[in-house]
Amino acid sequence: MGDHKSHASSVVEAFNNSDWDASSRLFGSSTYNELGTQRSLKGADIIDALKGWKTAMPDVKGSITRAAELGDQVILEVSWHGTNTGPLATPKGEIPPSGKTQTTPSAWIFDYGGDALVESRHYFDMLALLQQIGAA
């Protein structure tokens, strides 16, 4: 892999383009921890979760506002912006679409072991997201 920052940025780009094959390759056998939802996922479950966000907000895109690479760790600040035009799946059922837009800042930390992504932790304020789409 060599350039971990480029790899981490490609994860955001693959999501933005709904490129699930690339997403699957980029995540590999790593663990994805989505702290805003308290989910810890691997393999196909990661892709299902990402598809769920695209179902709720088909136009959602992440813009990387800062990036730092420190040895085997990459830290991205990402601003997510999208419109809630589809149902948002939650453990307690679906939240119906509101047609409202949201912009949610996040921090996404990627840990690598050599050339492989081992784990990522995605921190974002789920309550703020839900308030913006009128669900909280």
C-alpha atoms as a PDB file:
ATOM      1  CA  MET A   1       0.000   0.000   0.000  1.00  0.00           C
ATOM      2  CA  GLY A   2       2.740   2.441   0.944  1.00  0.00           C
ATOM      3  CA  ASP A   3       0.720   5.670   1.082  1.00  0.00           C
ATOM      4  CA  HIS A   4      -1.817   5.144   3.843  1.00  0.00           C
ATOM      5  CA  LYS A   5      -3.311   8.642   3.494  1.00  0.00           C
ATOM      6  CA  SER A   6      -4.122   7.943  -0.150  1.00  0.00           C
ATOM      7  CA  HIS A   7      -5.755   4.637   0.829  1.00  0.00           C
ATOM      8  CA  ALA A   8      -7.891   6.280   3.540  1.00  0.00           C
ATOM      9  CA  SER A   9      -8.948   9.030   1.131  1.00  0.00           C
ATOM     10  CA  SER A  10      -9.921   6.332  -1.382  1.00  0.00           C
ATOM     11  CA  VAL A  11     -12.310   4.854   1.196  1.00  0.00           C
ATOM     12  CA  VAL A  12     -14.227   8.159   1.284  1.00  0.00           C
ATOM     13  CA  GLU A  13     -14.103   8.450  -2.525  1.00  0.00           C
ATOM     14  CA  ALA A  14     -15.435   4.901  -3.005  1.00  0.00           C
ATOM     15  CA  PHE A  15     -18.341   5.684  -0.660  1.00  0.00           C
ATOM     16  CA  ASN A  16     -19.056   8.964  -2.462  1.00  0.00           C
ATOM     17  CA  ASN A  17     -19.261   7.036  -5.753  1.00  0.00           C
ATOM     18  CA  SER A  18     -21.256   4.120  -4.295  1.00  0.00           C
ATOM     19  CA  ASP A  19     -18.457   1.847  -5.516  1.00  0.00           C
ATOM     20  CA  TRP A  20     -19.120  -1.114  -3.236  1.00  0.00           C
ATOM     21  CA  ASP A  21     -16.576  -3.393  -4.934  1.00  0.00           C
ATOM     22  CA  ALA A  22     -13.822  -0.837  -4.313  1.00  0.00           C
ATOM     23  CA  SER A  23     -15.112  -0.294  -0.772  1.00  0.00           C
ATOM     24  CA  SER A  24     -14.940  -4.009  -0.093  1.00  0.00           C
ATOM     25  CA  ARG A  25     -11.358  -4.193  -1.397  1.00  0.00           C
ATOM     26  CA  LEU A  26     -10.291  -1.111   0.558  1.00  0.00           C
ATOM     27  CA  PHE A  27     -11.754  -2.325   3.869  1.00  0.00           C
ATOM     28  CA  GLY A  28     -10.440  -5.859   3.267  1.00  0.00           C
ATOM     29  CA  SER A  29     -10.570  -7.908   6.476  1.00  0.00           C
ATOM     30  CA  SER A  30     -10.421  -4.841   8.738  1.00  0.00           C
ATOM     31  CA  THR A  31     -12.852  -3.868  11.484  1.00  0.00           C
ATOM     32  CA  TYR A  32     -14.963  -0.734  11.022  1.00  0.00           C
ATOM     33  CA  ASN A  33     -16.128   0.926  14.233  1.00  0.00           C
ATOM     34  CA  GLU A  34     -18.899   3.456  13.647  1.00  0.00           C
ATOM     35  CA  LEU A  35     -18.952   5.276  16.974  1.00  0.00           C
ATOM     36  CA  GLY A  36     -21.991   7.421  16.095  1.00  0.00           C
ATOM     37  CA  THR A  37     -24.125   4.268  15.959  1.00  0.00           C
ATOM     38  CA  GLN A  38     -22.054   2.067  18.291  1.00  0.00           C
ATOM     39  CA  ARG A  39     -21.602  -0.541  15.538  1.00  0.00           C
ATOM     40  CA  SER A  40     -18.473  -2.642  15.098  1.00  0.00           C
ATOM     41  CA  LEU A  41     -18.504  -4.357  11.698  1.00  0.00           C
ATOM     42  CA  LYS A  42     -16.418  -6.574   9.435  1.00  0.00           C
ATOM     43  CA  GLY A  43     -16.655  -7.775   5.837  1.00  0.00           C
ATOM     44  CA  ALA A  44     -20.008  -7.585   4.071  1.00  0.00           C
ATOM     45  CA  ASP A  45     -21.599  -5.973   7.159  1.00  0.00           C
ATOM     46  CA  ILE A  46     -19.483  -2.851   6.530  1.00  0.00           C
ATOM     47  CA  ILE A  47     -20.773  -2.575   2.975  1.00  0.00           C
ATOM     48  CA  ASP A  48     -24.367  -3.140   4.130  1.00  0.00           C
ATOM     49  CA  ALA A  49     -23.991  -0.304   6.651  1.00  0.00           C
ATOM     50  CA  LEU A  50     -22.571   2.031   4.005  1.00  0.00           C
ATOM     51  CA  LYS A  51     -25.393   1.134   1.626  1.00  0.00           C
ATOM     52  CA  GLY A  52     -27.835   1.935   4.432  1.00  0.00           C
ATOM     53  CA  TRP A  53     -26.496   5.482   4.637  1.00  0.00           C
ATOM     54  CA  LYS A  54     -26.845   5.831   0.857  1.00  0.00           C
ATOM     55  CA  THR A  55     -30.436   4.536   1.065  1.00  0.00           C
ATOM     56  CA  ALA A  56     -31.300   7.221   3.602  1.00  0.00           C
ATOM     57  CA  MET A  57     -29.373   9.954   1.769  1.00  0.00           C
ATOM     58  CA  PRO A  58     -28.618   8.951  -1.845  1.00  0.00           C
ATOM     59  CA  ASP A  59     -26.759  12.229  -2.451  1.00  0.00           C
ATOM     60  CA  VAL A  60     -24.586  12.050   0.690  1.00  0.00           C
ATOM     61  CA  LYS A  61     -20.934  12.875   0.065  1.00  0.00           C
ATOM     62  CA  GLY A  62     -17.933  13.215   2.307  1.00  0.00           C
ATOM     63  CA  SER A  63     -15.510  16.088   1.860  1.00  0.00           C
ATOM     64  CA  ILE A  64     -12.114  15.631   3.466  1.00  0.00           C
ATOM     65  CA  THR A  65     -11.228  18.898   5.200  1.00  0.00           C
ATOM     66  CA  ARG A  66      -7.976  17.746   6.856  1.00  0.00           C
ATOM     67  CA  ALA A  67      -5.761  14.702   6.662  1.00  0.00           C
ATOM     68  CA  ALA A  68      -2.714  13.613   8.628  1.00  0.00           C
ATOM     69  CA  GLU A  69      -0.571  10.518   8.377  1.00  0.00           C
ATOM     70  CA  LEU A  70       1.430   9.523  11.445  1.00  0.00           C
ATOM     71  CA  GLY A  71       3.345   6.325  10.825  1.00  0.00           C
ATOM     72  CA  ASP A  72       0.767   3.549  10.519  1.00  0.00           C
ATOM     73  CA  GLN A  73      -2.173   5.810  11.378  1.00  0.00           C
ATOM     74  CA  VAL A  74      -4.207   8.224   9.257  1.00  0.00           C
ATOM     75  CA  ILE A  75      -6.633  10.767  10.652  1.00  0.00           C
ATOM     76  CA  LEU A  76      -9.216  12.314   8.351  1.00  0.00           C
ATOM     77  CA  GLU A  77     -11.616  15.107   9.196  1.00  0.00           C
ATOM     78  CA  VAL A  78     -14.618  14.563   6.943  1.00  0.00           C
ATOM     79  CA  SER A  79     -17.714  16.716   6.511  1.00  0.00           C
ATOM     80  CA  TRP A  80     -20.724  14.642   5.418  1.00  0.00           C
ATOM     81  CA  HIS A  81     -23.509  16.442   3.551  1.00  0.00           C
ATOM     82  CA  GLY A  82     -26.695  14.893   2.210  1.00  0.00           C
ATOM     83  CA  THR A  83     -30.466  15.080   1.951  1.00  0.00           C
ATOM     84  CA  ASN A  84     -32.679  12.592   3.779  1.00  0.00           C
ATOM     85  CA  THR A  85     -34.883  11.391   0.907  1.00  0.00           C
ATOM     86  CA  GLY A  86     -34.992   7.714   1.884  1.00  0.00           C
ATOM     87  CA  PRO A  87     -35.748   5.722   5.024  1.00  0.00           C
ATOM     88  CA  LEU A  88     -33.011   5.607   7.685  1.00  0.00           C
ATOM     89  CA  ALA A  89     -32.776   2.139   9.217  1.00  0.00           C
ATOM     90  CA  THR A  90     -32.212   2.005  12.986  1.00  0.00           C
ATOM     91  CA  PRO A  91     -32.307  -0.828  15.519  1.00  0.00           C
ATOM     92  CA  LYS A  92     -35.750   0.440  16.588  1.00  0.00           C
ATOM     93  CA  GLY A  93     -37.185   0.633  13.065  1.00  0.00           C
ATOM     94  CA  GLU A  94     -37.029   2.975  10.110  1.00  0.00           C
ATOM     95  CA  ILE A  95     -37.087   6.738  10.319  1.00  0.00           C
ATOM     96  CA  PRO A  96     -39.109   8.039   7.360  1.00  0.00           C
ATOM     97  CA  PRO A  97     -37.494  10.494   4.939  1.00  0.00           C
ATOM     98  CA  SER A  98     -37.872  14.161   5.844  1.00  0.00           C
ATOM     99  CA  GLY A  99     -36.450  15.836   2.749  1.00  0.00           C
ATOM    100  CA  LYS A 100     -34.147  17.845   5.035  1.00  0.00           C
ATOM    101  CA  THR A 101     -30.425  18.227   4.528  1.00  0.00           C
ATOM    102  CA  GLN A 102     -27.717  17.590   7.057  1.00  0.00           C
ATOM    103  CA  THR A 103     -24.055  18.471   7.368  1.00  0.00           C
ATOM    104  CA  THR A 104     -22.191  16.451   9.968  1.00  0.00           C
ATOM    105  CA  PRO A 105     -18.489  16.795  10.742  1.00  0.00           C
ATOM    106  CA  SER A 106     -16.581  13.663  11.645  1.00  0.00           C
ATOM    107  CA  ALA A 107     -13.176  12.291  12.487  1.00  0.00           C
ATOM    108  CA  TRP A 108     -12.170   8.971  10.931  1.00  0.00           C
ATOM    109  CA  ILE A 109      -9.063   7.242  12.222  1.00  0.00           C
ATOM    110  CA  PHE A 110      -7.441   4.446  10.207  1.00  0.00           C
ATOM    111  CA  ASP A 111      -4.905   2.048  11.751  1.00  0.00           C
ATOM    112  CA  TYR A 112      -2.655   0.024   9.448  1.00  0.00           C
ATOM    113  CA  GLY A 113      -0.472  -2.995  10.059  1.00  0.00           C
ATOM    114  CA  GLY A 114       2.177  -2.826   7.377  1.00  0.00           C
ATOM    115  CA  ASP A 115       0.289  -2.537   4.095  1.00  0.00           C
ATOM    116  CA  ALA A 116      -3.109  -3.646   5.403  1.00  0.00           C
ATOM    117  CA  LEU A 117      -5.911  -1.660   7.022  1.00  0.00           C
ATOM    118  CA  VAL A 118      -6.502  -3.284  10.408  1.00  0.00           C
ATOM    119  CA  GLU A 119      -9.169  -1.082  11.976  1.00  0.00           C
ATOM    120  CA  SER A 120     -10.934   2.231  11.502  1.00  0.00           C
ATOM    121  CA  ARG A 121     -12.916   4.307  13.976  1.00  0.00           C
ATOM    122  CA  HIS A 122     -15.451   6.785  12.615  1.00  0.00           C
ATOM    123  CA  TYR A 123     -16.577   9.410  15.151  1.00  0.00           C
ATOM    124  CA  PHE A 124     -19.600  11.605  14.432  1.00  0.00           C
ATOM    125  CA  ASP A 125     -22.471  13.166  16.364  1.00  0.00           C
ATOM    126  CA  MET A 126     -25.515  11.032  15.587  1.00  0.00           C
ATOM    127  CA  LEU A 127     -27.831  13.243  17.671  1.00  0.00           C
ATOM    128  CA  ALA A 128     -26.857  16.320  15.637  1.00  0.00           C
ATOM    129  CA  LEU A 129     -27.493  14.393  12.398  1.00  0.00           C
ATOM    130  CA  LEU A 130     -30.929  13.253  13.627  1.00  0.00           C
ATOM    131  CA  GLN A 131     -31.831  16.778  14.748  1.00  0.00           C
ATOM    132  CA  GLN A 132     -30.929  18.195  11.342  1.00  0.00           C
ATOM    133  CA  ILE A 133     -33.198  15.736   9.516  1.00  0.00           C
ATOM    134  CA  GLY A 134     -36.015  16.343  12.028  1.00  0.00           C
ATOM    135  CA  ALA A 135     -35.913  12.929  13.679  1.00  0.00           C
ATOM    136  CA  ALA A 136     -34.893  14.086  17.169  1.00  0.00           C
END
